[in-house]
Amino acid sequence: MKVLFLDESGDHNLSIVDPQYPLFILGGVIVEREYADGVLGERLADFKQRMFARTDLVLHTADIVRNRGGFERLEDAQFRQRFYHELNELIRKLDFKVVACAIRKDAHLARYGMAALDPYLLSLDVLVERFCLELGHVHEGGTIVAETRDPILDRQLELAWLNLTIRGTRYVSAADVGERIAGLTLRSKEDRVAGLELADLVVSPIGRHLLGKAVKPDFEIVRSKLRASASGRIDGYGLVVLPRAERAP
């Protein structure tokens, strides 16, 4: 069985568009369950032990970039350089695929106005569809694990998932969603779920790339892991950016 671990970057709230980060990204990593429960968890724990002499840390981008939550040692420039080098090498060697959907909130609002769909729910629709296509015609070949947020948002997510099992997506029927995906589970960050930690680490580099910021080694690694077509095409397969550019008349 394959598992799609989900994480997000940015705010899905359409009433606020940060000009410095006008994006919402829902991304995920697709991993074989046995690998996630074994090799992936073991390698992340080994990395934490080597870097910080402890394994109870949660690899969380917001804490890493702010040198907090157990990552205070990253204030040392030399250690920080070593940390990112070893982290990039770890991610490079891990076996997983990336899928992500990015919503340009300002363009989304400009195009759809009051009818604009919630970016999280729209992105979830896209990723469930890509996950179904990745699984193929395998009965309960996959499951989805997302991070808990707050009770209201968690309930909205559960209802959105239920809705997908009832109406399906644009290209995948409701019957196929229910047939291929066993269900959706919510887990807390404090549970230190290795797949969720990995998902957290791959989403931010995608956001930096879409904002046109300088390409760093971590994005090149993420790019190499994006789900692709047989011909190597990533757009629409591993990375979906919405709204799509309108065709010229």
C-alpha atoms as a PDB file:
ATOM      1  CA  MET A   1       0.000   0.000   0.000  1.00  0.00           C
ATOM      2  CA  LYS A   2       1.107   3.551  -0.788  1.00  0.00           C
ATOM      3  CA  VAL A   3       0.609   6.500   1.571  1.00  0.00           C
ATOM      4  CA  LEU A   4       0.169  10.129   0.564  1.00  0.00           C
ATOM      5  CA  PHE A   5       1.405  12.339   3.415  1.00  0.00           C
ATOM      6  CA  LEU A   6       0.156  15.934   3.138  1.00  0.00           C
ATOM      7  CA  ASP A   7       1.461  19.274   4.337  1.00  0.00           C
ATOM      8  CA  GLU A   8       0.862  22.893   3.423  1.00  0.00           C
ATOM      9  CA  SER A   9       2.661  26.189   2.983  1.00  0.00           C
ATOM     10  CA  GLY A  10       0.986  29.566   3.215  1.00  0.00           C
ATOM     11  CA  ASP A  11      -2.477  30.618   4.366  1.00  0.00           C
ATOM     12  CA  HIS A  12      -5.561  29.229   2.642  1.00  0.00           C
ATOM     13  CA  ASN A  13      -7.642  32.229   3.818  1.00  0.00           C
ATOM     14  CA  LEU A  14      -8.733  34.216   0.757  1.00  0.00           C
ATOM     15  CA  SER A  15      -9.666  37.288   2.806  1.00  0.00           C
ATOM     16  CA  ILE A  16      -5.962  37.907   3.416  1.00  0.00           C
ATOM     17  CA  VAL A  17      -3.366  37.851   0.640  1.00  0.00           C
ATOM     18  CA  ASP A  18       0.184  38.437   1.865  1.00  0.00           C
ATOM     19  CA  PRO A  19       2.009  40.338  -0.909  1.00  0.00           C
ATOM     20  CA  GLN A  20       5.242  38.692   0.234  1.00  0.00           C
ATOM     21  CA  TYR A  21       3.756  35.197  -0.066  1.00  0.00           C
ATOM     22  CA  PRO A  22       0.548  35.276  -2.134  1.00  0.00           C
ATOM     23  CA  LEU A  23       0.522  31.503  -2.462  1.00  0.00           C
ATOM     24  CA  PHE A  24      -1.135  28.543  -0.870  1.00  0.00           C
ATOM     25  CA  ILE A  25       0.500  25.188  -1.506  1.00  0.00           C
ATOM     26  CA  LEU A  26      -0.771  21.776  -0.529  1.00  0.00           C
ATOM     27  CA  GLY A  27       1.898  19.215  -1.189  1.00  0.00           C
ATOM     28  CA  GLY A  28       2.594  15.660  -0.370  1.00  0.00           C
ATOM     29  CA  VAL A  29       4.963  12.745  -0.610  1.00  0.00           C
ATOM     30  CA  ILE A  30       3.907   9.344  -1.882  1.00  0.00           C
ATOM     31  CA  VAL A  31       5.692   6.560  -0.045  1.00  0.00           C
ATOM     32  CA  GLU A  32       5.229   2.825   0.273  1.00  0.00           C
ATOM     33  CA  ARG A  33       3.765   2.165   3.723  1.00  0.00           C
ATOM     34  CA  GLU A  34       6.393  -0.421   4.640  1.00  0.00           C
ATOM     35  CA  TYR A  35       9.143   2.023   3.656  1.00  0.00           C
ATOM     36  CA  ALA A  36       7.493   4.861   5.620  1.00  0.00           C
ATOM     37  CA  ASP A  37       7.182   2.720   8.744  1.00  0.00           C
ATOM     38  CA  GLY A  38      10.717   1.354   8.408  1.00  0.00           C
ATOM     39  CA  VAL A  39      13.527   2.915   6.406  1.00  0.00           C
ATOM     40  CA  LEU A  40      12.132   6.457   6.310  1.00  0.00           C
ATOM     41  CA  GLY A  41      11.561   6.686  10.044  1.00  0.00           C
ATOM     42  CA  GLU A  42      14.918   5.094  10.800  1.00  0.00           C
ATOM     43  CA  ARG A  43      16.858   7.479   8.559  1.00  0.00           C
ATOM     44  CA  LEU A  44      15.158  10.566   9.944  1.00  0.00           C
ATOM     45  CA  ALA A  45      15.825   9.384  13.494  1.00  0.00           C
ATOM     46  CA  ASP A  46      19.472   8.698  12.644  1.00  0.00           C
ATOM     47  CA  PHE A  47      19.800  12.198  11.143  1.00  0.00           C
ATOM     48  CA  LYS A  48      18.360  13.823  14.266  1.00  0.00           C
ATOM     49  CA  GLN A  49      20.634  11.767  16.498  1.00  0.00           C
ATOM     50  CA  ARG A  50      23.743  12.730  14.521  1.00  0.00           C
ATOM     51  CA  MET A  51      22.814  16.411  14.356  1.00  0.00           C
ATOM     52  CA  PHE A  52      21.310  17.003  17.799  1.00  0.00           C
ATOM     53  CA  ALA A  53      22.013  13.873  19.869  1.00  0.00           C
ATOM     54  CA  ARG A  54      18.268  13.325  20.297  1.00  0.00           C
ATOM     55  CA  THR A  55      15.408  11.868  18.256  1.00  0.00           C
ATOM     56  CA  ASP A  56      12.370  13.565  19.795  1.00  0.00           C
ATOM     57  CA  LEU A  57      12.624  16.651  17.552  1.00  0.00           C
ATOM     58  CA  VAL A  58      10.054  17.245  14.824  1.00  0.00           C
ATOM     59  CA  LEU A  59      11.594  18.393  11.541  1.00  0.00           C
ATOM     60  CA  HIS A  60       9.403  21.447  10.980  1.00  0.00           C
ATOM     61  CA  THR A  61      10.449  24.124   8.486  1.00  0.00           C
ATOM     62  CA  ALA A  62       9.012  27.023  10.514  1.00  0.00           C
ATOM     63  CA  ASP A  63      11.117  26.007  13.533  1.00  0.00           C
ATOM     64  CA  ILE A  64      14.228  25.284  11.473  1.00  0.00           C
ATOM     65  CA  VAL A  65      14.337  28.662   9.718  1.00  0.00           C
ATOM     66  CA  ARG A  66      13.688  30.493  13.006  1.00  0.00           C
ATOM     67  CA  ASN A  67      16.205  28.505  15.086  1.00  0.00           C
ATOM     68  CA  ARG A  68      13.582  27.488  17.636  1.00  0.00           C
ATOM     69  CA  GLY A  69      11.823  24.407  18.979  1.00  0.00           C
ATOM     70  CA  GLY A  70      15.058  22.490  19.573  1.00  0.00           C
ATOM     71  CA  PHE A  71      16.856  23.924  16.531  1.00  0.00           C
ATOM     72  CA  GLU A  72      18.552  26.780  18.413  1.00  0.00           C
ATOM     73  CA  ARG A  73      21.967  25.408  17.510  1.00  0.00           C
ATOM     74  CA  LEU A  74      21.302  26.445  13.912  1.00  0.00           C
ATOM     75  CA  GLU A  75      22.179  30.009  14.940  1.00  0.00           C
ATOM     76  CA  ASP A  76      25.781  28.870  14.445  1.00  0.00           C
ATOM     77  CA  ALA A  77      26.500  29.505  10.757  1.00  0.00           C
ATOM     78  CA  GLN A  78      28.961  26.632  10.385  1.00  0.00           C
ATOM     79  CA  PHE A  79      26.617  24.117  11.979  1.00  0.00           C
ATOM     80  CA  ARG A  80      23.709  25.447   9.930  1.00  0.00           C
ATOM     81  CA  GLN A  81      25.654  24.876   6.703  1.00  0.00           C
ATOM     82  CA  ARG A  82      26.458  21.318   7.761  1.00  0.00           C
ATOM     83  CA  PHE A  83      22.833  20.720   8.783  1.00  0.00           C
ATOM     84  CA  TYR A  84      21.411  21.746   5.397  1.00  0.00           C
ATOM     85  CA  HIS A  85      24.069  19.840   3.474  1.00  0.00           C
ATOM     86  CA  GLU A  86      23.341  16.615   5.340  1.00  0.00           C
ATOM     87  CA  LEU A  87      19.582  17.161   5.227  1.00  0.00           C
ATOM     88  CA  ASN A  88      19.691  17.642   1.459  1.00  0.00           C
ATOM     89  CA  GLU A  89      21.759  14.484   1.045  1.00  0.00           C
ATOM     90  CA  LEU A  90      19.299  12.568   3.216  1.00  0.00           C
ATOM     91  CA  ILE A  91      16.302  13.719   1.160  1.00  0.00           C
ATOM     92  CA  ARG A  92      18.128  13.023  -2.104  1.00  0.00           C
ATOM     93  CA  LYS A  93      18.662   9.382  -1.133  1.00  0.00           C
ATOM     94  CA  LEU A  94      15.128   8.717   0.131  1.00  0.00           C
ATOM     95  CA  ASP A  95      12.632   6.870  -2.081  1.00  0.00           C
ATOM     96  CA  PHE A  96       9.453   8.913  -2.610  1.00  0.00           C
ATOM     97  CA  LYS A  97       7.466  10.950  -5.130  1.00  0.00           C
ATOM     98  CA  VAL A  98       6.213  14.501  -4.691  1.00  0.00           C
ATOM     99  CA  VAL A  99       2.848  15.891  -5.754  1.00  0.00           C
ATOM    100  CA  ALA A 100       1.832  19.478  -5.110  1.00  0.00           C
ATOM    101  CA  CYS A 101      -0.849  21.980  -6.007  1.00  0.00           C
ATOM    102  CA  ALA A 102      -0.135  25.699  -5.725  1.00  0.00           C
ATOM    103  CA  ILE A 103      -2.836  28.351  -5.763  1.00  0.00           C
ATOM    104  CA  ARG A 104      -1.845  31.909  -6.680  1.00  0.00           C
ATOM    105  CA  LYS A 105      -4.389  33.508  -4.360  1.00  0.00           C
ATOM    106  CA  ASP A 106      -4.415  36.965  -5.952  1.00  0.00           C
ATOM    107  CA  ALA A 107      -4.979  35.538  -9.447  1.00  0.00           C
ATOM    108  CA  HIS A 108      -7.511  33.027  -8.077  1.00  0.00           C
ATOM    109  CA  LEU A 109      -9.535  35.848  -6.537  1.00  0.00           C
ATOM    110  CA  ALA A 110      -9.206  38.050  -9.622  1.00  0.00           C
ATOM    111  CA  ARG A 111     -10.567  35.303 -11.850  1.00  0.00           C
ATOM    112  CA  TYR A 112     -13.353  33.874  -9.714  1.00  0.00           C
ATOM    113  CA  GLY A 113     -14.236  36.606  -7.202  1.00  0.00           C
ATOM    114  CA  MET A 114     -16.888  35.547  -4.689  1.00  0.00           C
ATOM    115  CA  ALA A 115     -17.104  32.143  -6.402  1.00  0.00           C
ATOM    116  CA  ALA A 116     -13.449  31.355  -5.668  1.00  0.00           C
ATOM    117  CA  LEU A 117     -13.117  27.967  -3.979  1.00  0.00           C
ATOM    118  CA  ASP A 118     -11.204  27.550  -0.742  1.00  0.00           C
ATOM    119  CA  PRO A 119      -7.552  26.925  -1.764  1.00  0.00           C
ATOM    120  CA  TYR A 120      -7.117  24.000   0.633  1.00  0.00           C
ATOM    121  CA  LEU A 121     -10.186  22.165  -0.631  1.00  0.00           C
ATOM    122  CA  LEU A 122      -9.349  22.909  -4.260  1.00  0.00           C
ATOM    123  CA  SER A 123      -5.803  21.645  -3.765  1.00  0.00           C
ATOM    124  CA  LEU A 124      -7.018  18.536  -1.975  1.00  0.00           C
ATOM    125  CA  ASP A 125      -9.220  17.733  -4.957  1.00  0.00           C
ATOM    126  CA  VAL A 126      -6.216  17.980  -7.288  1.00  0.00           C
ATOM    127  CA  LEU A 127      -3.934  15.861  -5.104  1.00  0.00           C
ATOM    128  CA  VAL A 128      -6.523  13.137  -4.500  1.00  0.00           C
ATOM    129  CA  GLU A 129      -6.956  12.938  -8.254  1.00  0.00           C
ATOM    130  CA  ARG A 130      -3.211  12.649  -8.910  1.00  0.00           C
ATOM    131  CA  PHE A 131      -2.886  10.062  -6.147  1.00  0.00           C
ATOM    132  CA  CYS A 132      -5.672   7.957  -7.681  1.00  0.00           C
ATOM    133  CA  LEU A 133      -3.966   8.123 -11.077  1.00  0.00           C
ATOM    134  CA  GLU A 134      -0.666   7.111  -9.474  1.00  0.00           C
ATOM    135  CA  LEU A 135      -2.280   4.132  -7.718  1.00  0.00           C
ATOM    136  CA  GLY A 136      -4.033   2.829 -10.808  1.00  0.00           C
ATOM    137  CA  HIS A 137      -6.693   0.131 -10.596  1.00  0.00           C
ATOM    138  CA  VAL A 138      -5.657  -1.322  -7.248  1.00  0.00           C
ATOM    139  CA  HIS A 139      -8.282  -1.986  -4.593  1.00  0.00           C
ATOM    140  CA  GLU A 140      -7.434   0.178  -1.551  1.00  0.00           C
ATOM    141  CA  GLY A 141      -3.953   0.636  -2.954  1.00  0.00           C
ATOM    142  CA  GLY A 142      -3.393   3.784  -0.952  1.00  0.00           C
ATOM    143  CA  THR A 143      -4.342   5.888   2.036  1.00  0.00           C
ATOM    144  CA  ILE A 144      -3.923   9.558   2.907  1.00  0.00           C
ATOM    145  CA  VAL A 145      -2.430  11.025   6.087  1.00  0.00           C
ATOM    146  CA  ALA A 146      -2.787  14.747   6.812  1.00  0.00           C
ATOM    147  CA  GLU A 147      -1.731  16.872   9.741  1.00  0.00           C
ATOM    148  CA  THR A 148      -4.299  18.070  12.245  1.00  0.00           C
ATOM    149  CA  ARG A 149      -4.840  21.845  12.390  1.00  0.00           C
ATOM    150  CA  ASP A 150      -7.789  22.843  14.586  1.00  0.00           C
ATOM    151  CA  PRO A 151     -11.171  21.162  15.213  1.00  0.00           C
ATOM    152  CA  ILE A 152     -13.078  23.357  12.745  1.00  0.00           C
ATOM    153  CA  LEU A 153     -10.535  22.983   9.922  1.00  0.00           C
ATOM    154  CA  ASP A 154     -10.157  19.274  10.626  1.00  0.00           C
ATOM    155  CA  ARG A 155     -13.920  18.811  10.331  1.00  0.00           C
ATOM    156  CA  GLN A 156     -13.937  20.761   7.067  1.00  0.00           C
ATOM    157  CA  LEU A 157     -11.208  18.487   5.737  1.00  0.00           C
ATOM    158  CA  GLU A 158     -13.093  15.352   6.741  1.00  0.00           C
ATOM    159  CA  LEU A 159     -16.236  16.676   5.026  1.00  0.00           C
ATOM    160  CA  ALA A 160     -14.211  17.563   1.916  1.00  0.00           C
ATOM    161  CA  TRP A 161     -12.845  14.022   1.802  1.00  0.00           C
ATOM    162  CA  LEU A 162     -16.345  12.603   2.223  1.00  0.00           C
ATOM    163  CA  ASN A 163     -17.522  14.826  -0.618  1.00  0.00           C
ATOM    164  CA  LEU A 164     -14.757  13.484  -2.884  1.00  0.00           C
ATOM    165  CA  THR A 165     -15.913   9.927  -2.183  1.00  0.00           C
ATOM    166  CA  ILE A 166     -19.443  10.989  -3.192  1.00  0.00           C
ATOM    167  CA  ARG A 167     -18.849  13.132  -6.290  1.00  0.00           C
ATOM    168  CA  GLY A 168     -15.271  12.245  -7.333  1.00  0.00           C
ATOM    169  CA  THR A 169     -12.951  14.665  -9.132  1.00  0.00           C
ATOM    170  CA  ARG A 170     -12.841  16.060 -12.644  1.00  0.00           C
ATOM    171  CA  TYR A 171     -11.084  13.008 -14.075  1.00  0.00           C
ATOM    172  CA  VAL A 172     -11.648  10.301 -11.432  1.00  0.00           C
ATOM    173  CA  SER A 173     -15.096   9.020 -10.497  1.00  0.00           C
ATOM    174  CA  ALA A 174     -16.335   8.782  -6.921  1.00  0.00           C
ATOM    175  CA  ALA A 175     -16.396   4.990  -7.283  1.00  0.00           C
ATOM    176  CA  ASP A 176     -12.718   4.974  -8.238  1.00  0.00           C
ATOM    177  CA  VAL A 177     -11.763   7.306  -5.366  1.00  0.00           C
ATOM    178  CA  GLY A 178     -13.458   4.981  -2.897  1.00  0.00           C
ATOM    179  CA  GLU A 179     -12.066   1.886  -4.582  1.00  0.00           C
ATOM    180  CA  ARG A 180      -8.446   3.033  -4.750  1.00  0.00           C
ATOM    181  CA  ILE A 181      -8.030   5.038  -1.518  1.00  0.00           C
ATOM    182  CA  ALA A 182      -8.814   3.310   1.765  1.00  0.00           C
ATOM    183  CA  GLY A 183      -9.381   6.546   3.665  1.00  0.00           C
ATOM    184  CA  LEU A 184      -7.984   9.711   5.206  1.00  0.00           C
ATOM    185  CA  THR A 185      -6.379   9.875   8.647  1.00  0.00           C
ATOM    186  CA  LEU A 186      -5.418  12.960  10.656  1.00  0.00           C
ATOM    187  CA  ARG A 187      -2.284  12.873  12.806  1.00  0.00           C
ATOM    188  CA  SER A 188      -0.743  15.427  15.118  1.00  0.00           C
ATOM    189  CA  LYS A 189       2.693  16.919  14.434  1.00  0.00           C
ATOM    190  CA  GLU A 190       3.668  15.824  17.950  1.00  0.00           C
ATOM    191  CA  ASP A 191       3.241  12.198  16.840  1.00  0.00           C
ATOM    192  CA  ARG A 192       6.508  12.597  14.883  1.00  0.00           C
ATOM    193  CA  VAL A 193       5.159  10.836  11.801  1.00  0.00           C
ATOM    194  CA  ALA A 194       8.169  10.546   9.485  1.00  0.00           C
ATOM    195  CA  GLY A 195       6.085  10.913   6.311  1.00  0.00           C
ATOM    196  CA  LEU A 196       4.530  14.161   7.555  1.00  0.00           C
ATOM    197  CA  GLU A 197       7.956  15.516   8.480  1.00  0.00           C
ATOM    198  CA  LEU A 198       9.229  14.746   4.998  1.00  0.00           C
ATOM    199  CA  ALA A 199       6.161  16.372   3.405  1.00  0.00           C
ATOM    200  CA  ASP A 200       6.824  19.516   5.446  1.00  0.00           C
ATOM    201  CA  LEU A 201      10.384  19.699   4.125  1.00  0.00           C
ATOM    202  CA  VAL A 202       9.461  19.509   0.425  1.00  0.00           C
ATOM    203  CA  VAL A 203       6.661  22.105   0.282  1.00  0.00           C
ATOM    204  CA  SER A 204       8.580  25.306   1.111  1.00  0.00           C
ATOM    205  CA  PRO A 205      11.178  24.883  -1.673  1.00  0.00           C
ATOM    206  CA  ILE A 206       8.314  24.702  -4.195  1.00  0.00           C
ATOM    207  CA  GLY A 207       6.919  27.967  -2.872  1.00  0.00           C
ATOM    208  CA  ARG A 208      10.273  29.735  -3.153  1.00  0.00           C
ATOM    209  CA  HIS A 209      10.621  28.504  -6.727  1.00  0.00           C
ATOM    210  CA  LEU A 210       7.169  29.733  -7.754  1.00  0.00           C
ATOM    211  CA  LEU A 211       7.894  33.157  -6.256  1.00  0.00           C
ATOM    212  CA  GLY A 212      10.960  33.403  -8.488  1.00  0.00           C
ATOM    213  CA  LYS A 213      13.473  33.317  -5.668  1.00  0.00           C
ATOM    214  CA  ALA A 214      17.008  32.021  -6.128  1.00  0.00           C
ATOM    215  CA  VAL A 215      17.071  28.267  -6.680  1.00  0.00           C
ATOM    216  CA  LYS A 216      18.677  26.357  -3.833  1.00  0.00           C
ATOM    217  CA  PRO A 217      19.858  22.736  -3.803  1.00  0.00           C
ATOM    218  CA  ASP A 218      16.754  21.631  -1.910  1.00  0.00           C
ATOM    219  CA  PHE A 219      14.451  22.634  -4.771  1.00  0.00           C
ATOM    220  CA  GLU A 220      16.580  20.793  -7.332  1.00  0.00           C
ATOM    221  CA  ILE A 221      16.189  17.682  -5.186  1.00  0.00           C
ATOM    222  CA  VAL A 222      12.431  18.195  -4.854  1.00  0.00           C
ATOM    223  CA  ARG A 223      12.142  18.785  -8.604  1.00  0.00           C
ATOM    224  CA  SER A 224      13.830  15.432  -9.245  1.00  0.00           C
ATOM    225  CA  LYS A 225      11.229  13.723  -7.022  1.00  0.00           C
ATOM    226  CA  LEU A 226       8.122  15.288  -8.588  1.00  0.00           C
ATOM    227  CA  ARG A 227       5.699  12.841 -10.145  1.00  0.00           C
ATOM    228  CA  ALA A 228       6.176  12.926 -13.924  1.00  0.00           C
ATOM    229  CA  SER A 229       4.677  11.533 -17.115  1.00  0.00           C
ATOM    230  CA  ALA A 230       6.387   8.790 -19.098  1.00  0.00           C
ATOM    231  CA  SER A 231       8.055  11.539 -21.149  1.00  0.00           C
ATOM    232  CA  GLY A 232       9.266  13.341 -18.019  1.00  0.00           C
ATOM    233  CA  ARG A 233       6.655  16.102 -17.952  1.00  0.00           C
ATOM    234  CA  ILE A 234       6.056  17.495 -14.461  1.00  0.00           C
ATOM    235  CA  ASP A 235       3.438  20.193 -15.111  1.00  0.00           C
ATOM    236  CA  GLY A 236       0.018  18.714 -14.478  1.00  0.00           C
ATOM    237  CA  TYR A 237       1.484  15.444 -13.213  1.00  0.00           C
ATOM    238  CA  GLY A 238       3.565  16.279 -10.146  1.00  0.00           C
ATOM    239  CA  LEU A 239       3.002  20.017  -9.901  1.00  0.00           C
ATOM    240  CA  VAL A 240      -0.252  21.816 -10.640  1.00  0.00           C
ATOM    241  CA  VAL A 241      -0.327  25.630 -10.475  1.00  0.00           C
ATOM    242  CA  LEU A 242      -3.740  27.327 -10.434  1.00  0.00           C
ATOM    243  CA  PRO A 243      -5.335  29.244 -11.944  1.00  0.00           C
ATOM    244  CA  ARG A 244      -3.915  28.120 -15.250  1.00  0.00           C
ATOM    245  CA  ALA A 245      -3.075  30.786 -17.806  1.00  0.00           C
ATOM    246  CA  GLU A 246      -6.049  31.565 -19.997  1.00  0.00           C
ATOM    247  CA  ARG A 247      -5.648  30.711 -23.668  1.00  0.00           C
ATOM    248  CA  ALA A 248      -5.498  33.584 -26.082  1.00  0.00           C
ATOM    249  CA  PRO A 249      -8.680  33.989 -28.159  1.00  0.00           C
END
